[in-house]
């Protein structure tokens, strides 16, 4: 009965699902009548983890941003994973919105999670391991209570709970 159980808290996203969501958003923008004949571009930079949305007006750019986010949600990517990074006016009076993709737990958020877990006074040990947090304990019930508590936190990252053993 002295067996240790554990799980990992990560913020990883499925890169292929993100690509699929972007492609679906591009198709929808291309086929919608309100985007015919105007500048409407969606660019995905996988290395920089950014999505650039360019359109002829603020309202059109925001509509395109909403399309991207809704397609991502339908593909299982949480809305918390996509944040507006910057909004600028570019040549020709166009508006460019740069969205950043969050797929790591920041150091501050990791510390916040660990503190919240320790405040629960459960018999579990959280440990920050790079971009993930490993939580170990003897009771699976304690680990499940820990997961429920962490889900209630206001963390600016899409949390995944994996490897529950």
C-alpha atoms as a PDB file:
ATOM      1  CA  UNK A   1       0.000   0.000   0.000  1.00  0.00           C
ATOM      2  CA  UNK A   2       3.017   2.296   0.148  1.00  0.00           C
ATOM      3  CA  UNK A   3       2.871   2.832  -3.617  1.00  0.00           C
ATOM      4  CA  UNK A   4       3.280   6.424  -4.759  1.00  0.00           C
ATOM      5  CA  UNK A   5       0.828   7.844  -7.302  1.00  0.00           C
ATOM      6  CA  UNK A   6       1.440  10.946  -9.384  1.00  0.00           C
ATOM      7  CA  UNK A   7       0.199  13.197 -12.154  1.00  0.00           C
ATOM      8  CA  UNK A   8       1.640  16.023 -14.238  1.00  0.00           C
ATOM      9  CA  UNK A   9       0.222  19.492 -14.821  1.00  0.00           C
ATOM     10  CA  UNK A  10       1.222  20.873 -18.236  1.00  0.00           C
ATOM     11  CA  UNK A  11      -0.020  23.450 -20.720  1.00  0.00           C
ATOM     12  CA  UNK A  12       0.847  21.647 -23.949  1.00  0.00           C
ATOM     13  CA  UNK A  13      -1.297  22.105 -27.034  1.00  0.00           C
ATOM     14  CA  UNK A  14      -1.768  19.777 -29.961  1.00  0.00           C
ATOM     15  CA  UNK A  15       0.169  21.568 -32.727  1.00  0.00           C
ATOM     16  CA  UNK A  16      -1.628  19.675 -35.504  1.00  0.00           C
ATOM     17  CA  UNK A  17      -5.039  20.644 -34.133  1.00  0.00           C
ATOM     18  CA  UNK A  18      -3.900  24.277 -34.046  1.00  0.00           C
ATOM     19  CA  UNK A  19      -2.842  24.057 -37.703  1.00  0.00           C
ATOM     20  CA  UNK A  20      -6.190  22.482 -38.578  1.00  0.00           C
ATOM     21  CA  UNK A  21      -8.076  25.241 -36.742  1.00  0.00           C
ATOM     22  CA  UNK A  22      -6.112  27.915 -38.643  1.00  0.00           C
ATOM     23  CA  UNK A  23      -6.833  26.232 -41.989  1.00  0.00           C
ATOM     24  CA  UNK A  24     -10.542  26.006 -41.165  1.00  0.00           C
ATOM     25  CA  UNK A  25     -10.558  29.691 -40.196  1.00  0.00           C
ATOM     26  CA  UNK A  26      -8.852  30.610 -43.495  1.00  0.00           C
ATOM     27  CA  UNK A  27     -11.478  28.651 -45.446  1.00  0.00           C
ATOM     28  CA  UNK A  28     -14.343  30.310 -43.586  1.00  0.00           C
ATOM     29  CA  UNK A  29     -12.918  33.801 -44.140  1.00  0.00           C
ATOM     30  CA  UNK A  30     -12.369  33.035 -47.831  1.00  0.00           C
ATOM     31  CA  UNK A  31     -15.968  31.861 -48.261  1.00  0.00           C
ATOM     32  CA  UNK A  32     -17.787  34.529 -46.222  1.00  0.00           C
ATOM     33  CA  UNK A  33     -19.515  37.243 -48.227  1.00  0.00           C
ATOM     34  CA  UNK A  34     -18.582  40.060 -45.805  1.00  0.00           C
ATOM     35  CA  UNK A  35     -14.864  39.440 -46.499  1.00  0.00           C
ATOM     36  CA  UNK A  36     -15.167  39.400 -50.320  1.00  0.00           C
ATOM     37  CA  UNK A  37     -13.044  42.003 -52.071  1.00  0.00           C
ATOM     38  CA  UNK A  38     -11.232  43.266 -48.961  1.00  0.00           C
ATOM     39  CA  UNK A  39      -7.924  42.477 -47.310  1.00  0.00           C
ATOM     40  CA  UNK A  40      -8.421  39.427 -45.082  1.00  0.00           C
ATOM     41  CA  UNK A  41      -5.305  37.415 -44.206  1.00  0.00           C
ATOM     42  CA  UNK A  42      -4.526  34.906 -41.484  1.00  0.00           C
ATOM     43  CA  UNK A  43      -0.878  33.896 -41.007  1.00  0.00           C
ATOM     44  CA  UNK A  44       0.358  31.268 -38.558  1.00  0.00           C
ATOM     45  CA  UNK A  45       3.983  31.312 -37.407  1.00  0.00           C
ATOM     46  CA  UNK A  46       4.562  27.995 -35.684  1.00  0.00           C
ATOM     47  CA  UNK A  47       8.055  28.775 -34.389  1.00  0.00           C
ATOM     48  CA  UNK A  48       7.121  32.152 -32.894  1.00  0.00           C
ATOM     49  CA  UNK A  49       3.773  30.734 -31.720  1.00  0.00           C
ATOM     50  CA  UNK A  50       1.820  33.637 -33.166  1.00  0.00           C
ATOM     51  CA  UNK A  51      -1.191  34.128 -35.411  1.00  0.00           C
ATOM     52  CA  UNK A  52      -1.405  37.349 -37.429  1.00  0.00           C
ATOM     53  CA  UNK A  53      -4.818  38.567 -38.559  1.00  0.00           C
ATOM     54  CA  UNK A  54      -4.854  41.435 -41.084  1.00  0.00           C
ATOM     55  CA  UNK A  55      -7.974  43.122 -42.425  1.00  0.00           C
ATOM     56  CA  UNK A  56      -9.199  46.443 -43.810  1.00  0.00           C
ATOM     57  CA  UNK A  57     -10.846  47.585 -40.566  1.00  0.00           C
ATOM     58  CA  UNK A  58     -10.793  46.999 -36.815  1.00  0.00           C
ATOM     59  CA  UNK A  59     -14.206  45.342 -36.867  1.00  0.00           C
ATOM     60  CA  UNK A  60     -13.262  42.935 -39.662  1.00  0.00           C
ATOM     61  CA  UNK A  61      -9.984  42.057 -37.921  1.00  0.00           C
ATOM     62  CA  UNK A  62     -11.862  41.373 -34.669  1.00  0.00           C
ATOM     63  CA  UNK A  63     -14.371  39.222 -36.551  1.00  0.00           C
ATOM     64  CA  UNK A  64     -11.487  37.216 -38.031  1.00  0.00           C
ATOM     65  CA  UNK A  65      -9.933  36.885 -34.580  1.00  0.00           C
ATOM     66  CA  UNK A  66     -13.263  35.532 -33.276  1.00  0.00           C
ATOM     67  CA  UNK A  67     -13.370  33.029 -36.160  1.00  0.00           C
ATOM     68  CA  UNK A  68      -9.848  31.797 -35.315  1.00  0.00           C
ATOM     69  CA  UNK A  69     -10.698  31.397 -31.622  1.00  0.00           C
ATOM     70  CA  UNK A  70     -14.002  29.637 -32.316  1.00  0.00           C
ATOM     71  CA  UNK A  71     -12.340  27.181 -34.716  1.00  0.00           C
ATOM     72  CA  UNK A  72      -9.646  26.496 -32.112  1.00  0.00           C
ATOM     73  CA  UNK A  73     -12.288  25.822 -29.443  1.00  0.00           C
ATOM     74  CA  UNK A  74     -14.101  23.396 -31.766  1.00  0.00           C
ATOM     75  CA  UNK A  75     -10.785  21.575 -32.208  1.00  0.00           C
ATOM     76  CA  UNK A  76     -10.314  21.167 -28.449  1.00  0.00           C
ATOM     77  CA  UNK A  77      -7.928  24.079 -27.904  1.00  0.00           C
ATOM     78  CA  UNK A  78      -9.025  26.249 -24.958  1.00  0.00           C
ATOM     79  CA  UNK A  79      -9.667  29.948 -25.527  1.00  0.00           C
ATOM     80  CA  UNK A  80      -7.149  30.698 -22.737  1.00  0.00           C
ATOM     81  CA  UNK A  81      -4.422  29.429 -25.066  1.00  0.00           C
ATOM     82  CA  UNK A  82      -4.870  32.384 -27.463  1.00  0.00           C
ATOM     83  CA  UNK A  83      -4.248  35.944 -26.254  1.00  0.00           C
ATOM     84  CA  UNK A  84      -4.157  39.225 -28.132  1.00  0.00           C
ATOM     85  CA  UNK A  85      -0.525  40.335 -28.183  1.00  0.00           C
ATOM     86  CA  UNK A  86      -0.658  43.552 -30.201  1.00  0.00           C
ATOM     87  CA  UNK A  87      -2.874  45.621 -32.477  1.00  0.00           C
ATOM     88  CA  UNK A  88      -1.353  47.960 -35.065  1.00  0.00           C
ATOM     89  CA  UNK A  89      -2.298  49.974 -38.124  1.00  0.00           C
ATOM     90  CA  UNK A  90      -0.347  48.807 -41.171  1.00  0.00           C
ATOM     91  CA  UNK A  91      -0.047  50.166 -44.719  1.00  0.00           C
ATOM     92  CA  UNK A  92      -3.193  50.896 -46.675  1.00  0.00           C
ATOM     93  CA  UNK A  93      -5.237  51.635 -43.565  1.00  0.00           C
ATOM     94  CA  UNK A  94      -5.334  47.960 -42.643  1.00  0.00           C
ATOM     95  CA  UNK A  95      -5.439  46.658 -39.076  1.00  0.00           C
ATOM     96  CA  UNK A  96      -3.144  43.861 -37.942  1.00  0.00           C
ATOM     97  CA  UNK A  97      -3.833  41.908 -34.761  1.00  0.00           C
ATOM     98  CA  UNK A  98      -1.135  39.568 -33.503  1.00  0.00           C
ATOM     99  CA  UNK A  99      -2.358  36.718 -31.299  1.00  0.00           C
ATOM    100  CA  UNK A 100       0.102  34.811 -29.140  1.00  0.00           C
ATOM    101  CA  UNK A 101      -0.313  31.130 -28.367  1.00  0.00           C
ATOM    102  CA  UNK A 102       0.319  30.093 -24.769  1.00  0.00           C
ATOM    103  CA  UNK A 103       1.490  26.507 -24.371  1.00  0.00           C
ATOM    104  CA  UNK A 104       3.702  26.697 -21.290  1.00  0.00           C
ATOM    105  CA  UNK A 105       3.059  27.405 -17.636  1.00  0.00           C
ATOM    106  CA  UNK A 106       4.888  30.591 -16.640  1.00  0.00           C
ATOM    107  CA  UNK A 107       7.146  30.504 -13.577  1.00  0.00           C
ATOM    108  CA  UNK A 108       4.762  32.808 -11.688  1.00  0.00           C
ATOM    109  CA  UNK A 109       1.763  30.586 -12.500  1.00  0.00           C
ATOM    110  CA  UNK A 110       3.744  27.473 -11.542  1.00  0.00           C
ATOM    111  CA  UNK A 111       4.597  29.006  -8.164  1.00  0.00           C
ATOM    112  CA  UNK A 112       0.952  30.015  -7.715  1.00  0.00           C
ATOM    113  CA  UNK A 113      -0.189  26.430  -8.436  1.00  0.00           C
ATOM    114  CA  UNK A 114       2.371  24.924  -6.050  1.00  0.00           C
ATOM    115  CA  UNK A 115       1.378  27.359  -3.290  1.00  0.00           C
ATOM    116  CA  UNK A 116      -2.317  26.569  -3.800  1.00  0.00           C
ATOM    117  CA  UNK A 117      -1.607  22.829  -3.621  1.00  0.00           C
ATOM    118  CA  UNK A 118       0.406  23.236  -0.410  1.00  0.00           C
ATOM    119  CA  UNK A 119      -2.371  25.388   1.102  1.00  0.00           C
ATOM    120  CA  UNK A 120      -4.793  22.461   0.649  1.00  0.00           C
ATOM    121  CA  UNK A 121      -2.945  20.609   3.443  1.00  0.00           C
ATOM    122  CA  UNK A 122      -3.281  17.308   1.561  1.00  0.00           C
ATOM    123  CA  UNK A 123      -0.627  14.633   1.724  1.00  0.00           C
ATOM    124  CA  UNK A 124       0.776  15.450  -1.708  1.00  0.00           C
ATOM    125  CA  UNK A 125       4.089  16.930  -2.848  1.00  0.00           C
ATOM    126  CA  UNK A 126       4.114  19.338  -5.822  1.00  0.00           C
ATOM    127  CA  UNK A 127       7.389  19.813  -7.663  1.00  0.00           C
ATOM    128  CA  UNK A 128       8.166  22.199 -10.532  1.00  0.00           C
ATOM    129  CA  UNK A 129      10.010  20.339 -13.289  1.00  0.00           C
ATOM    130  CA  UNK A 130      10.811  22.785 -16.064  1.00  0.00           C
ATOM    131  CA  UNK A 131       7.581  23.510 -17.934  1.00  0.00           C
ATOM    132  CA  UNK A 132       5.477  21.040 -15.943  1.00  0.00           C
ATOM    133  CA  UNK A 133       4.512  20.372 -12.355  1.00  0.00           C
ATOM    134  CA  UNK A 134       4.628  16.834 -10.961  1.00  0.00           C
ATOM    135  CA  UNK A 135       2.371  16.114  -8.002  1.00  0.00           C
ATOM    136  CA  UNK A 136       2.949  12.904  -6.037  1.00  0.00           C
ATOM    137  CA  UNK A 137       1.036  11.352  -3.181  1.00  0.00           C
ATOM    138  CA  UNK A 138      -0.040   8.021  -1.709  1.00  0.00           C
ATOM    139  CA  UNK A 139      -3.795   8.529  -2.089  1.00  0.00           C
ATOM    140  CA  UNK A 140      -5.456   8.856  -5.489  1.00  0.00           C
ATOM    141  CA  UNK A 141      -8.342  10.655  -3.751  1.00  0.00           C
ATOM    142  CA  UNK A 142      -5.921  13.351  -2.557  1.00  0.00           C
ATOM    143  CA  UNK A 143      -4.575  13.714  -6.094  1.00  0.00           C
ATOM    144  CA  UNK A 144      -8.097  14.037  -7.502  1.00  0.00           C
ATOM    145  CA  UNK A 145      -8.942  16.674  -4.883  1.00  0.00           C
ATOM    146  CA  UNK A 146      -5.763  18.466  -5.894  1.00  0.00           C
ATOM    147  CA  UNK A 147      -6.787  18.417  -9.587  1.00  0.00           C
ATOM    148  CA  UNK A 148     -10.223  19.824  -8.723  1.00  0.00           C
ATOM    149  CA  UNK A 149      -8.653  22.635  -6.676  1.00  0.00           C
ATOM    150  CA  UNK A 150      -6.141  23.561  -9.399  1.00  0.00           C
ATOM    151  CA  UNK A 151      -8.937  23.714 -12.000  1.00  0.00           C
ATOM    152  CA  UNK A 152     -10.602  26.417  -9.876  1.00  0.00           C
ATOM    153  CA  UNK A 153      -7.505  28.666  -9.957  1.00  0.00           C
ATOM    154  CA  UNK A 154      -7.337  31.655 -12.297  1.00  0.00           C
ATOM    155  CA  UNK A 155      -4.282  30.590 -14.307  1.00  0.00           C
ATOM    156  CA  UNK A 156      -3.539  32.235 -17.654  1.00  0.00           C
ATOM    157  CA  UNK A 157      -2.685  28.969 -19.392  1.00  0.00           C
ATOM    158  CA  UNK A 158      -4.636  25.977 -20.691  1.00  0.00           C
ATOM    159  CA  UNK A 159      -3.886  23.344 -18.032  1.00  0.00           C
ATOM    160  CA  UNK A 160      -3.728  19.632 -18.822  1.00  0.00           C
ATOM    161  CA  UNK A 161      -3.609  16.922 -16.182  1.00  0.00           C
ATOM    162  CA  UNK A 162      -1.727  13.924 -17.543  1.00  0.00           C
ATOM    163  CA  UNK A 163      -0.049  10.686 -16.451  1.00  0.00           C
ATOM    164  CA  UNK A 164      -2.269   9.975 -13.462  1.00  0.00           C
ATOM    165  CA  UNK A 165      -0.756   6.726 -12.200  1.00  0.00           C
END
